[in-house]
């Protein structure tokens, strides 16, 4: 989303902004935002004198006439200075740092005037300077599945041009472009547990150790491959949707825990070692305990 929205009143900063369609504006010219293009980061503006054309976002600023100065706040001047906090000076005049402004942001020097002292926007925080890192890793890599935020195209990264732009290919559209990374986003894929199994008489017959596929798409591809190889056979795709598990009970003695896990021989050996029983005595005791637990 851009810094302006449809209907906002803006001012052209530099008359040298040429949009490639034979249109130039006039410094200070006011206009109304009609549309935003996130790809080029431009705005389609209805200017008061030069008509409608696409202007660069960097060459637009909020119209001072849309501001309503409030006491106690800080504001930004046309030349980028921070002024404030402003105080109410009476009538339609507000003051700060030895200067005065009308409530709409125009600098007031006694006779009126539009200078670099004009207030153009509220000052929102002090930006924290971030150190430059020319060796930072690019946000995207070749092969990443991506989606265009505005156009909703889906495709793949073909080349990383630099830290700010990538070469894309939009799959359904069949064409590509060089796009700023701010205009695209990664398509996240959900990992699933999916297997392929032979189906006979309507019943799945999975192998004892089936291969687990990371996605349904991969499993479907494998099922088609197997069906083509073993003609006349039917293969199905099965996805794990939910699991249920109850905590296994923990018993007081090691031999009991072994028996509960089906390690009957180990349980007998353990019981003989700790209780000094004969082989038959330990065997009878373990089997009796197992029978009791199963009946419970």
Protein backbone atom coordinates (compact mmCIF):
# COMPACT_ATOMS: atom_id res chain seq x y z
CA UNK A 1 0.00 0.00 0.00
CA UNK A 2 1.33 3.44 -0.92
CA UNK A 3 1.74 6.46 1.32
CA UNK A 4 -1.34 8.14 -0.25
CA UNK A 5 -4.84 6.82 -0.78
CA UNK A 6 -7.49 7.57 -3.37
CA UNK A 7 -8.87 11.08 -2.85
CA UNK A 8 -5.83 12.50 -1.04
CA UNK A 9 -4.75 15.99 -2.09
CA UNK A 10 -1.05 16.12 -2.99
CA UNK A 11 1.49 18.68 -4.17
CA UNK A 12 4.09 18.18 -6.95
CA UNK A 13 7.59 18.78 -5.58
CA UNK A 14 9.62 19.07 -8.80
CA UNK A 15 8.44 20.24 -12.22
CA UNK A 16 11.15 18.08 -13.82
CA UNK A 17 9.20 14.89 -13.12
CA UNK A 18 8.50 13.44 -16.56
CA UNK A 19 6.42 10.28 -16.62
CA UNK A 20 7.28 9.07 -20.12
CA UNK A 21 3.93 9.99 -21.66
CA UNK A 22 4.58 13.57 -22.65
CA UNK A 23 3.44 15.12 -19.38
CA UNK A 24 5.26 17.59 -17.16
CA UNK A 25 3.88 19.20 -14.05
CA UNK A 26 4.51 22.49 -12.33
CA UNK A 27 6.32 22.85 -9.01
CA UNK A 28 3.77 23.29 -6.23
CA UNK A 29 0.86 22.20 -8.43
CA UNK A 30 -1.94 20.53 -6.48
CA UNK A 31 -3.74 17.38 -7.51
CA UNK A 32 -6.04 14.61 -6.31
CA UNK A 33 -4.90 10.98 -6.16
CA UNK A 34 -6.96 8.67 -8.37
CA UNK A 35 -5.00 5.42 -8.46
CA UNK A 36 -1.77 3.79 -7.18
CA UNK A 37 0.56 1.45 -9.10
CA UNK A 38 2.62 -0.63 -6.65
CA UNK A 39 4.78 -2.07 -9.44
CA UNK A 40 6.18 1.29 -10.60
CA UNK A 41 5.46 3.05 -7.28
CA UNK A 42 3.63 5.84 -9.12
CA UNK A 43 0.31 7.64 -8.63
CA UNK A 44 -2.27 8.58 -11.24
CA UNK A 45 -3.09 12.15 -10.20
CA UNK A 46 -5.62 14.67 -11.47
CA UNK A 47 -3.50 17.86 -11.37
CA UNK A 48 -5.14 21.28 -11.34
CA UNK A 49 -3.17 22.59 -14.35
CA UNK A 50 -1.40 19.78 -16.22
CA UNK A 51 -4.27 17.29 -16.15
CA UNK A 52 -4.15 13.60 -15.35
CA UNK A 53 -0.88 11.65 -15.48
CA UNK A 54 1.31 9.19 -13.56
CA UNK A 55 3.70 10.89 -11.12
CA UNK A 56 6.50 9.31 -9.12
CA UNK A 57 5.70 8.76 -5.45
CA UNK A 58 9.01 10.37 -4.50
CA UNK A 59 7.93 13.60 -6.20
CA UNK A 60 4.67 13.98 -4.28
CA UNK A 61 3.99 15.36 -0.83
CA UNK A 62 0.79 15.92 1.15
CA UNK A 63 -0.89 19.19 0.32
CA UNK A 64 -0.49 21.59 3.21
CA UNK A 65 -4.17 22.43 2.88
CA UNK A 66 -5.05 18.96 4.17
CA UNK A 67 -3.20 19.57 7.45
CA UNK A 68 -4.77 20.82 10.65
CA UNK A 69 -2.03 21.83 13.07
CA UNK A 70 -2.68 20.83 16.67
CA UNK A 71 -1.10 22.27 19.79
CA UNK A 72 1.64 20.16 21.39
CA UNK A 73 2.61 18.20 18.27
CA UNK A 74 5.75 18.21 16.11
CA UNK A 75 5.69 18.85 12.36
CA UNK A 76 7.92 18.59 9.28
CA UNK A 77 8.72 21.60 7.07
CA UNK A 78 9.05 21.53 3.31
CA UNK A 79 12.84 21.44 3.58
CA UNK A 80 12.74 18.51 6.03
CA UNK A 81 13.23 20.26 9.38
CA UNK A 82 11.48 19.26 12.59
CA UNK A 83 9.59 22.03 14.38
CA UNK A 84 7.63 22.02 17.60
CA UNK A 85 6.03 21.38 19.86
CA UNK A 86 3.70 24.05 18.50
CA UNK A 87 1.68 26.34 20.74
CA UNK A 88 -1.55 28.18 20.03
CA UNK A 89 -0.83 31.87 19.38
CA UNK A 90 -4.41 33.06 18.94
CA UNK A 91 -6.82 33.25 16.04
CA UNK A 92 -5.71 30.93 13.24
CA UNK A 93 -2.02 31.15 14.16
CA UNK A 94 0.28 28.59 15.80
CA UNK A 95 3.90 29.16 16.82
CA UNK A 96 7.10 27.17 17.40
CA UNK A 97 10.85 27.85 17.34
CA UNK A 98 10.31 31.60 16.93
CA UNK A 99 8.13 31.24 13.82
CA UNK A 100 4.41 31.25 13.12
CA UNK A 101 2.10 29.25 10.88
CA UNK A 102 -1.54 29.29 9.92
CA UNK A 103 -3.45 26.24 11.05
CA UNK A 104 -3.30 24.79 7.50
CA UNK A 105 0.52 24.74 7.63
CA UNK A 106 1.39 27.82 5.57
CA UNK A 107 4.28 29.82 7.00
CA UNK A 108 3.07 33.19 8.33
CA UNK A 109 5.57 36.06 8.15
CA UNK A 110 3.15 38.92 8.68
CA UNK A 111 2.00 39.24 5.09
CA UNK A 112 1.61 35.57 4.24
CA UNK A 113 3.90 33.56 2.05
CA UNK A 114 4.73 30.09 0.80
CA UNK A 115 8.35 29.39 1.70
CA UNK A 116 10.51 26.41 2.66
CA UNK A 117 9.17 26.96 6.18
CA UNK A 118 5.74 25.65 5.16
CA UNK A 119 4.65 22.71 7.30
CA UNK A 120 3.77 19.76 5.08
CA UNK A 121 3.17 16.86 7.49
CA UNK A 122 3.13 15.76 11.09
CA UNK A 123 6.52 14.54 12.31
CA UNK A 124 6.15 10.81 12.99
CA UNK A 125 9.04 9.65 15.17
CA UNK A 126 12.75 9.98 14.54
CA UNK A 127 13.96 7.33 12.11
CA UNK A 128 16.74 5.14 13.42
CA UNK A 129 19.68 5.08 11.07
CA UNK A 130 20.54 1.56 9.93
CA UNK A 131 24.10 0.69 8.91
CA UNK A 132 24.53 -0.18 5.27
CA UNK A 133 25.34 -3.80 4.56
CA UNK A 134 26.34 -4.40 0.97
CA UNK A 135 26.99 -8.06 1.79
CA UNK A 136 23.48 -8.77 3.09
CA UNK A 137 21.84 -11.85 1.65
CA UNK A 138 19.06 -11.19 -0.92
CA UNK A 139 15.52 -11.68 0.35
CA UNK A 140 14.70 -14.13 -2.45
CA UNK A 141 16.66 -16.87 -4.22
CA UNK A 142 16.40 -18.54 -7.62
CA UNK A 143 13.58 -21.08 -7.65
CA UNK A 144 11.45 -19.44 -4.95
CA UNK A 145 7.71 -19.66 -5.56
CA UNK A 146 6.32 -16.12 -5.46
CA UNK A 147 3.10 -14.11 -5.77
CA UNK A 148 2.73 -10.51 -7.00
CA UNK A 149 1.12 -8.56 -4.16
CA UNK A 150 -1.00 -6.33 -6.42
CA UNK A 151 -1.60 -8.37 -9.58
CA UNK A 152 -1.86 -11.70 -7.71
CA UNK A 153 0.20 -13.45 -10.42
CA UNK A 154 2.00 -16.60 -9.24
CA UNK A 155 5.37 -17.66 -10.55
CA UNK A 156 9.02 -18.29 -9.80
CA UNK A 157 12.22 -16.29 -9.29
CA UNK A 158 14.46 -16.81 -12.34
CA UNK A 159 17.33 -14.51 -11.38
CA UNK A 160 18.37 -12.34 -8.44
CA UNK A 161 19.43 -9.04 -10.02
CA UNK A 162 20.43 -7.32 -6.76
CA UNK A 163 19.15 -6.85 -3.21
CA UNK A 164 16.18 -4.81 -4.46
CA UNK A 165 15.08 -6.51 -7.70
CA UNK A 166 14.59 -10.00 -9.12
CA UNK A 167 13.80 -11.41 -12.54
CA UNK A 168 10.46 -13.22 -12.38
CA UNK A 169 8.45 -15.59 -14.56
CA UNK A 170 4.67 -15.66 -14.10
CA UNK A 171 3.59 -19.25 -14.76
CA UNK A 172 0.00 -18.89 -16.03
CA UNK A 173 0.64 -15.64 -17.88
CA UNK A 174 3.69 -17.11 -19.64
CA UNK A 175 5.88 -14.02 -19.35
CA UNK A 176 8.30 -12.46 -16.90
CA UNK A 177 9.61 -9.11 -15.73
CA UNK A 178 12.13 -7.42 -13.49
CA UNK A 179 10.23 -6.70 -10.28
CA UNK A 180 11.15 -4.84 -7.09
CA UNK A 181 11.19 -7.20 -4.13
CA UNK A 182 8.70 -4.99 -2.28
CA UNK A 183 6.05 -5.91 -4.87
CA UNK A 184 6.30 -9.69 -4.44
CA UNK A 185 5.93 -12.20 -1.62
CA UNK A 186 6.89 -15.82 -1.01
CA UNK A 187 4.26 -18.51 -1.46
CA UNK A 188 4.50 -20.64 1.65
CA UNK A 189 3.78 -24.32 1.21
CA UNK A 190 2.27 -26.42 3.97
CA UNK A 191 4.16 -29.64 4.65
CA UNK A 192 1.90 -32.70 4.76
CA UNK A 193 2.40 -36.38 5.52
CA UNK A 194 1.19 -38.16 2.40
CA UNK A 195 1.76 -41.69 1.07
CA UNK A 196 0.90 -43.60 -2.10
CA UNK A 197 -0.63 -47.05 -1.73
CA UNK A 198 -1.84 -49.79 -4.05
CA UNK A 199 -5.63 -50.23 -3.97
CA UNK A 200 -7.13 -53.71 -4.43
CA UNK A 201 -10.88 -54.32 -4.28
CA UNK A 202 -11.34 -50.86 -2.83
CA UNK A 203 -8.93 -51.50 0.04
CA UNK A 204 -5.58 -49.67 0.39
CA UNK A 205 -2.55 -51.97 0.56
CA UNK A 206 0.35 -49.80 1.71
CA UNK A 207 3.82 -51.30 1.99
CA UNK A 208 5.24 -51.99 5.44
CA UNK A 209 7.51 -48.92 5.11
CA UNK A 210 5.80 -46.53 2.64
CA UNK A 211 7.68 -43.49 1.36
CA UNK A 212 6.35 -40.31 3.01
CA UNK A 213 5.91 -37.41 0.57
CA UNK A 214 6.22 -33.82 1.78
CA UNK A 215 3.23 -32.61 -0.26
CA UNK A 216 0.06 -33.88 -1.88
CA UNK A 217 1.33 -32.66 -5.26
CA UNK A 218 4.44 -34.84 -4.98
CA UNK A 219 2.37 -37.86 -3.95
CA UNK A 220 -0.07 -37.38 -6.84
CA UNK A 221 2.86 -37.22 -9.25
CA UNK A 222 4.22 -40.51 -7.85
CA UNK A 223 0.78 -42.17 -8.07
CA UNK A 224 0.53 -41.22 -11.75
CA UNK A 225 4.03 -42.57 -12.39
CA UNK A 226 3.21 -45.91 -10.76
CA UNK A 227 -0.11 -46.18 -12.61
CA UNK A 228 1.69 -45.62 -15.92
CA UNK A 229 4.32 -48.24 -15.02
CA UNK A 230 1.89 -50.87 -13.69
CA UNK A 231 -1.02 -50.56 -16.09
CA UNK A 232 -4.29 -51.94 -14.78
CA UNK A 233 -3.29 -51.32 -11.18
CA UNK A 234 -4.88 -48.59 -9.09
CA UNK A 235 -2.88 -46.32 -6.81
CA UNK A 236 -4.29 -43.89 -4.27
CA UNK A 237 -2.96 -40.90 -2.37
CA UNK A 238 -3.53 -40.86 1.38
CA UNK A 239 -2.88 -37.82 3.57
CA UNK A 240 -2.49 -37.88 7.34
CA UNK A 241 -5.05 -35.40 8.66
CA UNK A 242 -4.96 -36.00 12.40
CA UNK A 243 -3.41 -38.22 15.06
CA UNK A 244 -4.52 -39.34 18.50
CA UNK A 245 -2.26 -40.55 21.27
CA UNK A 246 -2.62 -41.34 24.95
CA UNK A 247 0.34 -41.32 27.29
CA UNK A 248 1.60 -44.80 28.14
CA UNK A 249 1.36 -45.68 31.85
CA UNK A 250 4.58 -45.70 33.86
CA UNK A 251 4.96 -48.51 36.39
CA UNK A 252 6.96 -48.69 39.61
CA UNK A 253 9.33 -51.43 38.47
CA UNK A 254 11.54 -51.69 35.42
CA UNK A 255 10.41 -55.23 34.58
CA UNK A 256 6.76 -54.07 34.55
CA UNK A 257 7.54 -51.30 32.07
CA UNK A 258 9.39 -53.82 29.89
CA UNK A 259 6.43 -56.20 29.96
CA UNK A 260 4.02 -53.38 29.11
CA UNK A 261 6.11 -52.65 26.00
CA UNK A 262 5.91 -56.31 24.90
CA UNK A 263 9.48 -57.12 25.96
CA UNK A 264 8.44 -60.24 27.82
CA UNK A 265 11.83 -62.04 27.83
CA UNK A 266 13.64 -58.89 28.97
CA UNK A 267 11.05 -58.46 31.73
CA UNK A 268 11.63 -62.04 32.95
CA UNK A 269 15.40 -61.52 33.01
CA UNK A 270 15.02 -58.25 34.91
CA UNK A 271 12.66 -59.78 37.48
CA UNK A 272 15.04 -62.72 38.09
CA UNK A 273 17.93 -60.32 38.58
CA UNK A 274 16.21 -58.12 41.14
CA UNK A 275 14.07 -60.73 42.95
CA UNK A 276 16.29 -63.84 42.79
CA UNK A 277 13.46 -65.98 41.34
CA UNK A 278 13.87 -69.13 39.29
CA UNK A 279 13.27 -68.93 35.55
CA UNK A 280 9.85 -70.57 35.91
CA UNK A 281 8.92 -68.41 38.88
CA UNK A 282 9.85 -65.19 37.07
CA UNK A 283 8.08 -66.35 33.89
CA UNK A 284 4.87 -67.18 35.78
CA UNK A 285 4.97 -63.85 37.62
CA UNK A 286 5.46 -61.80 34.46
CA UNK A 287 2.72 -63.65 32.55
CA UNK A 288 0.32 -63.28 35.47
CA UNK A 289 1.00 -59.56 35.65
CA UNK A 290 0.46 -59.15 31.89
CA UNK A 291 -2.83 -61.07 32.08
CA UNK A 292 -3.98 -58.89 34.98
CA UNK A 293 -3.12 -55.65 33.13
CA UNK A 294 -4.89 -56.77 29.95
CA UNK A 295 -8.02 -57.64 31.89
CA UNK A 296 -8.09 -54.30 33.70
